[in-house]
Protein backbone atom coordinates (compact mmCIF):
# COMPACT_ATOMS: atom_id res chain seq x y z
CA UNK A 1 -182.77 44.35 -32.75
CA UNK A 2 -185.10 44.03 -30.00
CA UNK A 3 -184.42 46.59 -27.15
CA UNK A 4 -182.67 45.26 -24.03
CA UNK A 5 -183.51 46.49 -20.62
CA UNK A 6 -181.45 45.66 -17.75
CA UNK A 7 -178.75 46.83 -15.45
CA UNK A 8 -175.46 47.82 -16.98
CA UNK A 9 -172.75 45.05 -15.87
CA UNK A 10 -169.20 44.87 -16.47
CA UNK A 11 -168.73 41.36 -18.24
CA UNK A 12 -165.35 39.67 -19.11
CA UNK A 13 -165.53 37.24 -21.96
CA UNK A 14 -162.91 34.44 -22.15
CA UNK A 15 -162.49 33.14 -25.57
CA UNK A 16 -162.88 35.36 -28.61
CA UNK A 17 -164.02 32.55 -31.02
CA UNK A 18 -167.36 32.30 -32.46
CA UNK A 19 -169.52 32.44 -29.43
CA UNK A 20 -167.38 34.86 -27.60
CA UNK A 21 -167.24 37.16 -30.26
CA UNK A 22 -170.86 37.43 -30.86
CA UNK A 23 -171.77 37.59 -27.56
CA UNK A 24 -169.12 40.34 -26.97
CA UNK A 25 -170.81 42.61 -29.71
CA UNK A 26 -174.47 41.76 -28.83
CA UNK A 27 -174.07 42.68 -24.73
CA UNK A 28 -172.10 45.75 -25.73
CA UNK A 29 -175.10 46.70 -27.95
CA UNK A 30 -177.14 46.01 -24.89
CA UNK A 31 -175.22 48.53 -22.80
CA UNK A 32 -173.11 46.29 -20.94
CA UNK A 33 -169.13 47.18 -20.68
CA UNK A 34 -167.36 44.11 -22.28
CA UNK A 35 -163.59 42.93 -21.80
CA UNK A 36 -162.87 40.28 -24.22
CA UNK A 37 -160.15 38.02 -23.22
CA UNK A 38 -157.97 35.79 -25.38
CA UNK A 39 -154.45 34.34 -25.67
CA UNK A 40 -154.37 35.10 -29.29
CA UNK A 41 -152.88 38.69 -29.70
CA UNK A 42 -154.21 38.89 -33.16
CA UNK A 43 -157.77 38.43 -32.09
CA UNK A 44 -157.46 41.05 -29.42
CA UNK A 45 -155.85 43.45 -31.88
CA UNK A 46 -158.58 42.98 -34.40
CA UNK A 47 -161.29 43.79 -31.52
CA UNK A 48 -159.68 46.94 -30.30
CA UNK A 49 -159.41 48.02 -34.03
CA UNK A 50 -163.21 47.62 -34.26
CA UNK A 51 -162.94 44.49 -36.30
CA UNK A 52 -164.60 41.02 -36.05
CA UNK A 53 -162.19 38.03 -35.46
CA UNK A 54 -164.88 35.96 -37.26
CA UNK A 55 -166.83 36.08 -40.31
CA UNK A 56 -170.49 36.50 -39.35
CA UNK A 57 -173.12 38.88 -40.86
CA UNK A 58 -173.66 42.05 -38.86
CA UNK A 59 -170.88 41.46 -36.28
CA UNK A 60 -168.09 43.96 -37.70
CA UNK A 61 -170.78 46.83 -37.27
CA UNK A 62 -171.49 45.48 -33.60
CA UNK A 63 -167.81 45.45 -32.77
CA UNK A 64 -166.96 48.65 -34.41
CA UNK A 65 -169.93 50.35 -32.59
CA UNK A 66 -168.68 48.97 -29.38
CA UNK A 67 -164.98 50.13 -29.68
CA UNK A 68 -166.18 53.76 -30.65
CA UNK A 69 -168.43 53.88 -27.86
CA UNK A 70 -166.04 52.56 -25.50
CA UNK A 71 -168.27 49.31 -24.48
CA UNK A 72 -165.90 46.71 -25.89
CA UNK A 73 -162.20 46.31 -25.52
CA UNK A 74 -159.97 43.18 -25.56
CA UNK A 75 -157.07 42.16 -23.60
CA UNK A 76 -154.49 39.33 -22.92
CA UNK A 77 -154.39 40.06 -19.26
CA UNK A 78 -157.02 37.82 -17.48
CA UNK A 79 -156.14 39.17 -14.20
CA UNK A 80 -157.26 42.51 -14.95
CA UNK A 81 -160.09 41.43 -16.74
CA UNK A 82 -161.59 39.66 -13.77
CA UNK A 83 -160.46 42.47 -11.47
CA UNK A 84 -162.49 45.07 -13.64
CA UNK A 85 -165.71 42.92 -14.25
CA UNK A 86 -168.69 41.69 -12.24
CA UNK A 87 -169.31 38.51 -14.26
CA UNK A 88 -166.93 36.39 -16.21
CA UNK A 89 -168.31 34.38 -19.06
CA UNK A 90 -166.19 31.13 -20.29
CA UNK A 91 -166.64 30.58 -24.29
CA UNK A 92 -163.46 28.77 -24.96
CA UNK A 93 -163.48 25.47 -27.05
CA UNK A 94 -164.22 21.97 -25.92
CA UNK A 95 -162.89 19.92 -29.03
CA UNK A 96 -163.38 16.23 -29.45
CA UNK A 97 -160.51 13.92 -28.65
CA UNK A 98 -159.94 10.77 -30.93
CA UNK A 99 -161.85 8.77 -28.61
CA UNK A 100 -165.03 11.10 -29.09
CA UNK A 101 -164.47 12.38 -25.25
CA UNK A 102 -164.42 16.20 -24.81
CA UNK A 103 -160.87 17.71 -24.31
CA UNK A 104 -161.45 20.19 -21.28
CA UNK A 105 -157.93 21.24 -21.33
CA UNK A 106 -158.81 24.92 -22.52
CA UNK A 107 -161.52 24.95 -19.92
CA UNK A 108 -159.33 23.97 -17.02
CA UNK A 109 -156.49 26.33 -17.91
CA UNK A 110 -159.05 29.28 -18.30
CA UNK A 111 -160.70 28.31 -14.90
CA UNK A 112 -157.22 28.44 -13.31
CA UNK A 113 -156.44 31.61 -14.69
CA UNK A 114 -159.85 33.01 -13.63
CA UNK A 115 -159.51 31.55 -10.17
CA UNK A 116 -156.01 33.15 -9.56
CA UNK A 117 -157.68 36.42 -10.36
CA UNK A 118 -160.45 35.84 -7.94
CA UNK A 119 -158.29 35.29 -5.23
CA UNK A 120 -157.21 38.82 -5.35
CA UNK A 121 -160.76 40.04 -5.44
CA UNK A 122 -162.65 41.15 -2.21
CA UNK A 123 -166.03 41.25 -4.07
CA UNK A 124 -168.18 38.44 -5.09
CA UNK A 125 -167.75 37.26 -8.58
CA UNK A 126 -169.92 35.26 -10.87
CA UNK A 127 -168.39 32.68 -13.40
CA UNK A 128 -170.61 31.49 -15.98
CA UNK A 129 -169.76 28.93 -18.67
CA UNK A 130 -171.17 29.08 -22.13
CA UNK A 131 -169.03 26.55 -23.55
CA UNK A 132 -170.74 23.15 -24.42
CA UNK A 133 -169.74 20.48 -21.80
CA UNK A 134 -171.28 17.28 -21.01
CA UNK A 135 -173.22 16.70 -17.64
CA UNK A 136 -170.80 16.67 -14.82
CA UNK A 137 -168.28 18.83 -16.28
CA UNK A 138 -169.11 21.60 -14.10
CA UNK A 139 -168.84 19.81 -11.06
CA UNK A 140 -165.96 17.55 -12.22
CA UNK A 141 -163.71 20.14 -13.83
CA UNK A 142 -165.01 23.88 -13.79
CA UNK A 143 -165.83 24.15 -10.11
CA UNK A 144 -162.69 22.17 -8.92
CA UNK A 145 -160.29 24.15 -10.84
CA UNK A 146 -162.11 27.60 -9.79
CA UNK A 147 -162.10 26.64 -6.23
CA UNK A 148 -158.41 25.36 -6.06
CA UNK A 149 -157.06 28.37 -7.87
CA UNK A 150 -158.86 30.96 -5.94
CA UNK A 151 -159.30 29.47 -2.39
CA UNK A 152 -162.83 30.34 -2.39
CA UNK A 153 -165.74 28.04 -2.20
CA UNK A 154 -168.33 28.04 -5.09
CA UNK A 155 -171.92 29.22 -4.33
CA UNK A 156 -170.55 30.94 -1.22
CA UNK A 157 -167.76 32.99 -1.91
CA UNK A 158 -168.47 33.11 -5.72
CA UNK A 159 -171.17 32.72 -8.00
CA UNK A 160 -171.25 29.87 -10.53
CA UNK A 161 -173.49 29.10 -13.52
CA UNK A 162 -173.91 27.45 -16.92
CA UNK A 163 -175.84 29.35 -19.50
CA UNK A 164 -175.84 27.33 -22.85
CA UNK A 165 -175.71 29.10 -26.19
CA UNK A 166 -178.13 28.15 -29.13
CA UNK A 167 -176.34 30.22 -31.67
CA UNK A 168 -176.15 29.04 -35.07
CA UNK A 169 -173.36 30.28 -37.67
CA UNK A 170 -174.44 32.92 -40.12
CA UNK A 171 -177.50 33.75 -38.20
CA UNK A 172 -176.01 34.10 -34.74
CA UNK A 173 -176.79 37.73 -34.26
CA UNK A 174 -180.35 37.13 -35.07
CA UNK A 175 -180.31 34.04 -32.85
CA UNK A 176 -178.89 36.06 -29.81
CA UNK A 177 -181.92 38.55 -30.11
CA UNK A 178 -184.55 36.00 -30.90
CA UNK A 179 -183.65 32.95 -28.68
CA UNK A 180 -185.88 29.93 -28.81
CA UNK A 181 -185.22 29.70 -24.88
CA UNK A 182 -182.74 31.07 -22.33
CA UNK A 183 -181.52 28.29 -20.00
CA UNK A 184 -179.59 29.08 -16.87
CA UNK A 185 -178.26 26.31 -14.31
CA UNK A 186 -176.95 27.73 -11.17
CA UNK A 187 -176.03 26.72 -7.54
CA UNK A 188 -178.04 29.68 -6.10
CA UNK A 189 -180.96 31.48 -7.32
CA UNK A 190 -179.52 34.87 -6.96
CA UNK A 191 -176.69 34.11 -9.38
CA UNK A 192 -179.14 32.58 -11.85
CA UNK A 193 -181.37 35.53 -11.65
CA UNK A 194 -178.41 38.04 -12.15
CA UNK A 195 -177.48 36.13 -15.27
CA UNK A 196 -180.80 36.34 -16.45
CA UNK A 197 -180.82 40.17 -16.22
CA UNK A 198 -178.59 40.11 -19.02
CA UNK A 199 -181.32 38.98 -21.31
CA UNK A 200 -184.12 41.24 -19.97
CA UNK A 201 -186.44 42.37 -22.81
CA UNK A 202 -185.35 39.39 -25.12
CA UNK A 203 -188.27 36.94 -26.24
CA UNK A 204 -188.50 33.28 -25.31
CA UNK A 205 -188.91 31.57 -22.02
CA UNK A 206 -186.60 32.09 -19.39
CA UNK A 207 -185.83 28.68 -17.58
CA UNK A 208 -183.82 28.27 -14.38
CA UNK A 209 -182.80 24.79 -13.49
CA UNK A 210 -180.01 22.56 -12.04
CA UNK A 211 -176.58 22.95 -13.66
CA UNK A 212 -176.32 19.31 -14.91
CA UNK A 213 -180.08 19.74 -16.49
CA UNK A 214 -178.48 22.89 -18.31
CA UNK A 215 -175.45 20.86 -19.24
CA UNK A 216 -177.58 18.20 -20.65
CA UNK A 217 -180.16 20.37 -22.83
CA UNK A 218 -177.66 21.51 -25.30
CA UNK A 219 -176.63 18.16 -26.31
CA UNK A 220 -180.31 16.97 -26.45
CA UNK A 221 -180.98 20.13 -28.92
CA UNK A 222 -177.94 19.29 -31.12
CA UNK A 223 -178.39 15.43 -31.27
CA UNK A 224 -182.14 16.02 -32.15
CA UNK A 225 -181.21 18.26 -35.00
CA UNK A 226 -178.74 15.64 -36.38
CA UNK A 227 -181.48 12.98 -35.67
CA UNK A 228 -183.95 15.10 -37.80
CA UNK A 229 -181.56 15.51 -40.65
CA UNK A 230 -180.69 11.80 -40.94
CA UNK A 231 -184.39 10.88 -40.83
CA UNK A 232 -185.32 13.41 -43.71
CA UNK A 233 -182.29 12.05 -45.66
CA UNK A 234 -183.22 8.45 -45.26
CA UNK A 235 -186.95 9.12 -46.11
CA UNK A 236 -185.52 11.09 -49.23
CA UNK A 237 -183.55 8.07 -50.32
CA UNK A 238 -186.46 5.80 -50.25
CA UNK A 239 -188.72 8.29 -52.15
CA UNK A 240 -186.12 8.57 -54.68
CA UNK A 241 -186.07 5.06 -55.60
CA UNK A 242 -189.80 5.07 -55.85
CA UNK A 243 -190.04 8.21 -58.02
CA UNK A 244 -191.65 10.10 -55.13
CA UNK A 245 -190.86 13.87 -54.62
CA UNK A 246 -189.59 13.61 -50.84
CA UNK A 247 -189.64 17.39 -50.57
CA UNK A 248 -193.25 17.45 -50.98
CA UNK A 249 -193.95 14.34 -48.69
CA UNK A 250 -191.85 16.17 -45.96
CA UNK A 251 -193.43 19.33 -46.58
CA UNK A 252 -197.00 17.60 -45.61
CA UNK A 253 -195.40 15.92 -42.88
CA UNK A 254 -194.15 19.19 -41.51
CA UNK A 255 -197.73 20.60 -41.57
CA UNK A 256 -198.84 18.47 -38.63
CA UNK A 257 -197.92 20.54 -35.80
CA UNK A 258 -200.17 18.63 -33.39
CA UNK A 259 -198.08 15.36 -33.43
CA UNK A 260 -195.28 15.47 -35.97
CA UNK A 261 -193.62 18.79 -34.98
CA UNK A 262 -194.67 18.93 -31.40
CA UNK A 263 -193.93 17.80 -27.80
CA UNK A 264 -195.91 14.60 -28.60
CA UNK A 265 -194.11 11.42 -28.29
CA UNK A 266 -191.16 13.20 -26.71
CA UNK A 267 -191.61 12.37 -23.09
CA UNK A 268 -189.35 9.39 -21.79
CA UNK A 269 -191.31 6.41 -21.06
CA UNK A 270 -191.39 2.93 -22.37
CA UNK A 271 -191.18 0.97 -25.67
CA UNK A 272 -193.59 1.77 -28.53
CA UNK A 273 -196.12 -0.81 -29.47
CA UNK A 274 -199.70 -1.11 -30.93
CA UNK A 275 -201.21 -2.17 -34.22
CA UNK A 276 -199.44 0.70 -36.33
CA UNK A 277 -195.92 1.65 -35.25
CA UNK A 278 -194.19 -1.74 -34.94
CA UNK A 279 -196.09 -2.96 -38.30
CA UNK A 280 -195.36 0.43 -40.43
CA UNK A 281 -191.75 0.52 -39.35
CA UNK A 282 -191.09 -2.90 -40.29
CA UNK A 283 -192.57 -2.31 -43.78
CA UNK A 284 -190.88 0.71 -44.55
CA UNK A 285 -187.45 -0.99 -43.61
CA UNK A 286 -188.43 -3.95 -45.72
CA UNK A 287 -189.30 -1.66 -48.74
CA UNK A 288 -185.80 0.02 -48.04
CA UNK A 289 -183.96 -3.45 -48.23
CA UNK A 290 -185.91 -4.67 -51.32
CA UNK A 291 -184.62 -1.43 -52.98
CA UNK A 292 -181.11 -1.63 -51.63
CA UNK A 293 -181.47 1.44 -49.75
CA UNK A 294 -179.30 1.86 -46.70
CA UNK A 295 -181.21 3.35 -43.75
CA UNK A 296 -179.20 2.73 -40.54
CA UNK A 297 -181.22 5.04 -38.50
CA UNK A 298 -184.73 3.53 -39.35
CA UNK A 299 -183.35 -0.06 -38.99
CA UNK A 300 -181.88 0.91 -35.56
CA UNK A 301 -185.27 2.29 -34.13
CA UNK A 302 -186.67 -1.26 -33.70
CA UNK A 303 -183.42 -2.34 -32.09
CA UNK A 304 -183.68 0.62 -29.90
CA UNK A 305 -187.16 -0.24 -28.80
CA UNK A 306 -186.26 -3.80 -28.19
CA UNK A 307 -183.51 -2.56 -25.81
CA UNK A 308 -185.90 -0.47 -23.78
CA UNK A 309 -187.70 -3.67 -23.05
CA UNK A 310 -184.45 -5.37 -22.26
CA UNK A 311 -183.54 -2.71 -19.95
CA UNK A 312 -186.93 -2.87 -17.91
CA UNK A 313 -186.28 -6.70 -17.60
CA UNK A 314 -182.76 -6.23 -16.14
CA UNK A 315 -184.08 -3.36 -13.65
CA UNK A 316 -186.72 -5.60 -12.42
CA UNK A 317 -184.22 -8.57 -11.85
CA UNK A 318 -181.87 -6.49 -10.09
CA UNK A 319 -184.33 -5.97 -7.28
CA UNK A 320 -184.11 -9.71 -6.27
CA UNK A 321 -187.86 -10.04 -5.74
CA UNK A 322 -189.95 -12.94 -7.44
CA UNK A 323 -193.54 -11.50 -7.01
CA UNK A 324 -194.28 -9.15 -9.88
CA UNK A 325 -197.50 -7.11 -10.32
CA UNK A 326 -198.47 -5.20 -13.57
CA UNK A 327 -201.15 -2.72 -13.61
CA UNK A 328 -202.08 -1.92 -17.22
CA UNK A 329 -200.90 -4.01 -20.07
CA UNK A 330 -202.78 -2.84 -23.36
CA UNK A 331 -200.44 -0.83 -25.45
CA UNK A 332 -202.27 2.30 -24.29
CA UNK A 333 -204.53 3.30 -21.70
CA UNK A 334 -208.09 3.52 -22.51
CA UNK A 335 -207.98 0.72 -25.09
CA UNK A 336 -208.34 -3.17 -24.97
CA UNK A 337 -205.70 -3.86 -27.71
CA UNK A 338 -202.81 -6.13 -26.88
CA UNK A 339 -201.35 -6.39 -30.28
CA UNK A 340 -197.72 -5.89 -30.07
CA UNK A 341 -197.92 -4.53 -26.54
CA UNK A 342 -194.42 -3.88 -24.92
CA UNK A 343 -195.78 -4.47 -21.54
CA UNK A 344 -197.09 -7.92 -22.86
CA UNK A 345 -193.72 -8.61 -24.03
CA UNK A 346 -192.12 -7.69 -20.77
CA UNK A 347 -194.46 -9.92 -19.02
CA UNK A 348 -193.58 -12.84 -21.19
CA UNK A 349 -189.94 -12.21 -20.65
CA UNK A 350 -190.48 -12.31 -17.00
CA UNK A 351 -192.68 -15.22 -16.97
CA UNK A 352 -189.84 -17.13 -18.88
CA UNK A 353 -187.56 -16.24 -16.18
CA UNK A 354 -189.61 -17.76 -13.33
CA UNK A 355 -191.11 -14.81 -11.85
CA UNK A 356 -194.81 -14.93 -10.52
CA UNK A 357 -196.96 -12.55 -12.27
CA UNK A 358 -200.46 -11.06 -11.73
CA UNK A 359 -201.80 -8.59 -14.17
CA UNK A 360 -204.65 -6.37 -14.12
CA UNK A 361 -206.10 -3.99 -16.77
CA UNK A 362 -209.69 -2.73 -16.57
CA UNK A 363 -210.25 -2.72 -20.45
CA UNK A 364 -208.70 -6.10 -20.90
CA UNK A 365 -211.16 -8.92 -19.79
CA UNK A 366 -211.68 -12.25 -21.84
CA UNK A 367 -215.34 -11.82 -21.03
CA UNK A 368 -215.87 -8.62 -22.90
CA UNK A 369 -213.12 -8.93 -25.46
CA UNK A 370 -214.57 -9.72 -29.17
CA UNK A 371 -213.18 -10.24 -32.57
CA UNK A 372 -209.35 -9.54 -33.22
CA UNK A 373 -208.51 -9.05 -29.65
CA UNK A 374 -210.03 -12.11 -28.52
CA UNK A 375 -208.31 -14.20 -31.05
CA UNK A 376 -204.89 -12.41 -30.32
CA UNK A 377 -205.16 -13.65 -26.49
CA UNK A 378 -206.46 -17.07 -27.47
CA UNK A 379 -203.86 -17.78 -30.18
CA UNK A 380 -200.90 -15.73 -29.29
CA UNK A 381 -200.75 -15.00 -25.45
CA UNK A 382 -203.08 -17.77 -23.71
CA UNK A 383 -200.78 -17.89 -20.93
CA UNK A 384 -201.25 -14.47 -20.05
CA UNK A 385 -204.84 -14.67 -19.73
CA UNK A 386 -204.29 -17.31 -16.85
CA UNK A 387 -202.36 -14.48 -14.89
CA UNK A 388 -205.02 -11.61 -15.10
CA UNK A 389 -207.03 -10.92 -11.91
CA UNK A 390 -210.15 -8.86 -11.30
CA UNK A 391 -208.88 -5.92 -9.33
CA UNK A 392 -206.02 -3.43 -8.48
CA UNK A 393 -206.03 -4.29 -4.80
CA UNK A 394 -205.10 -7.90 -5.79
CA UNK A 395 -202.30 -7.13 -7.82
CA UNK A 396 -200.93 -4.65 -5.16
CA UNK A 397 -201.22 -7.15 -2.50
CA UNK A 398 -199.37 -9.76 -4.46
CA UNK A 399 -196.56 -7.42 -5.65
CA UNK A 400 -192.95 -7.30 -4.59
CA UNK A 401 -192.44 -5.22 -7.68
CA UNK A 402 -195.32 -3.35 -8.92
CA UNK A 403 -195.08 -2.30 -12.65
CA UNK A 404 -197.28 0.56 -13.89
CA UNK A 405 -197.73 -0.33 -17.75
CA UNK A 406 -199.86 2.59 -18.83
CA UNK A 407 -201.55 5.69 -17.82
CA UNK A 408 -204.41 5.16 -15.45
CA UNK A 409 -205.06 7.57 -12.60
CA UNK A 410 -206.43 4.44 -10.47
CA UNK A 411 -203.04 2.83 -10.67
CA UNK A 412 -201.09 6.01 -9.48
CA UNK A 413 -203.63 6.40 -6.51
CA UNK A 414 -203.28 2.80 -5.54
CA UNK A 415 -199.54 3.38 -4.65
CA UNK A 416 -200.45 5.60 -1.61
CA UNK A 417 -201.22 2.19 -0.01
CA UNK A 418 -197.78 0.61 -0.71
CA UNK A 419 -195.16 -0.11 2.07
CA UNK A 420 -191.27 0.73 2.02
CA UNK A 421 -190.26 -2.71 1.17
CA UNK A 422 -192.33 -2.59 -1.97
CA UNK A 423 -190.71 -1.43 -5.39
CA UNK A 424 -192.64 0.61 -8.11
CA UNK A 425 -191.30 0.85 -11.61
CA UNK A 426 -193.19 3.33 -13.69
CA UNK A 427 -192.95 2.46 -17.52
CA UNK A 428 -195.07 5.66 -18.50
CA UNK A 429 -194.20 8.90 -19.63
CA UNK A 430 -195.45 10.24 -16.26
CA UNK A 431 -193.30 13.30 -15.22
CA UNK A 432 -194.59 13.55 -11.61
CA UNK A 433 -193.41 11.53 -8.79
CA UNK A 434 -196.59 9.94 -6.95
CA UNK A 435 -197.01 9.88 -3.28
CA UNK A 436 -195.95 6.42 -2.12
CA UNK A 437 -193.85 4.92 0.75
CA UNK A 438 -192.47 2.32 -1.73
CA UNK A 439 -189.08 2.96 -3.67
CA UNK A 440 -190.54 4.50 -6.73
CA UNK A 441 -188.42 4.97 -10.25
CA UNK A 442 -189.27 5.17 -13.90
CA UNK A 443 -187.70 2.96 -16.47
CA UNK A 444 -186.26 6.04 -18.41
CA UNK A 445 -184.85 8.10 -15.66
């Protein structure tokens, strides 16, 4: 286990289930004083007798060592636990209701207990949520319950943070000491730094962010893991009907760390397009149907892509403006390829709804297009060619709503000349807000 280096703190951990029990043992191993809190007397008794209340490899040893050394004890007395600690960690369950919503009843109850205990403390206390909760749960449930019960204000009279856990069952202790990342969302930087001190010496990036962002990260991780499993299973189902070894196929797929298993294509932007992705997706889905293989996730990709275009149309309509300018409408910057460009599809939708469009793309010019691209324009989108102009300035001057369709530095430079009553909608995966007086927003948040 890696050596942790940090100041010794007294930590009360509410909830001695999976997460609470594991971090109790690991933090105690790091030299911190741990007070475990649970309403279940059996769990409390197990901890105090040096035994783990859950089955997890290596945890019995950590709990035993902690109780022998005096760094771990457990209690049902929440008031005493808060009184005798510097930091409280909330690790209680957030089960699903039948509707799929989270049941935050346990969270509310624990926050009320913690708040009542904090009301009797003069020293500043920090409360850290480790339970998995949807964005808005901290501001809508946790903080109000703590403030009401304590009579104190979050950020001013007590610290508040969320520190999502990334522990997998059966490898939780290894995961604690080898985190892929440590994420802390807090109201105040000093509280975030104090929580970060608990993980001193551990590998992986330390990320300080907003509370809502930290709440969301855990869900993104878990849903993406579910997506990967489903993707592999659906590919496996297709391969099986073809007599192809799906494990070999996915083994080759996973060797590509440049595009397949990487940050590539994982920045929110606009719909995909071009000559490859739509065509190949349709072909694989058609093959699955021909083989009577159900692949709902693969089928849903095209539907989701169409919805992204529909969302952009709706966003533009909501502005209540008629003059639309589009900068960049090839499916990718630096090309003249318009085949299945989602920006062209967007332009056709807007044109059909009566909007006045002007388009510019330096790489798309009828005078220079030859072969397949020229034929595509002449045969499939001749009406688009009539909307093309020769300069960025002409589009900017025309546009009440300016759409950035692909990545080109000149497009973003042009935004500096816009005025406050113009709107910019960025369809690209650009993560930085450019300098502009216009209202700027991304189609994907």
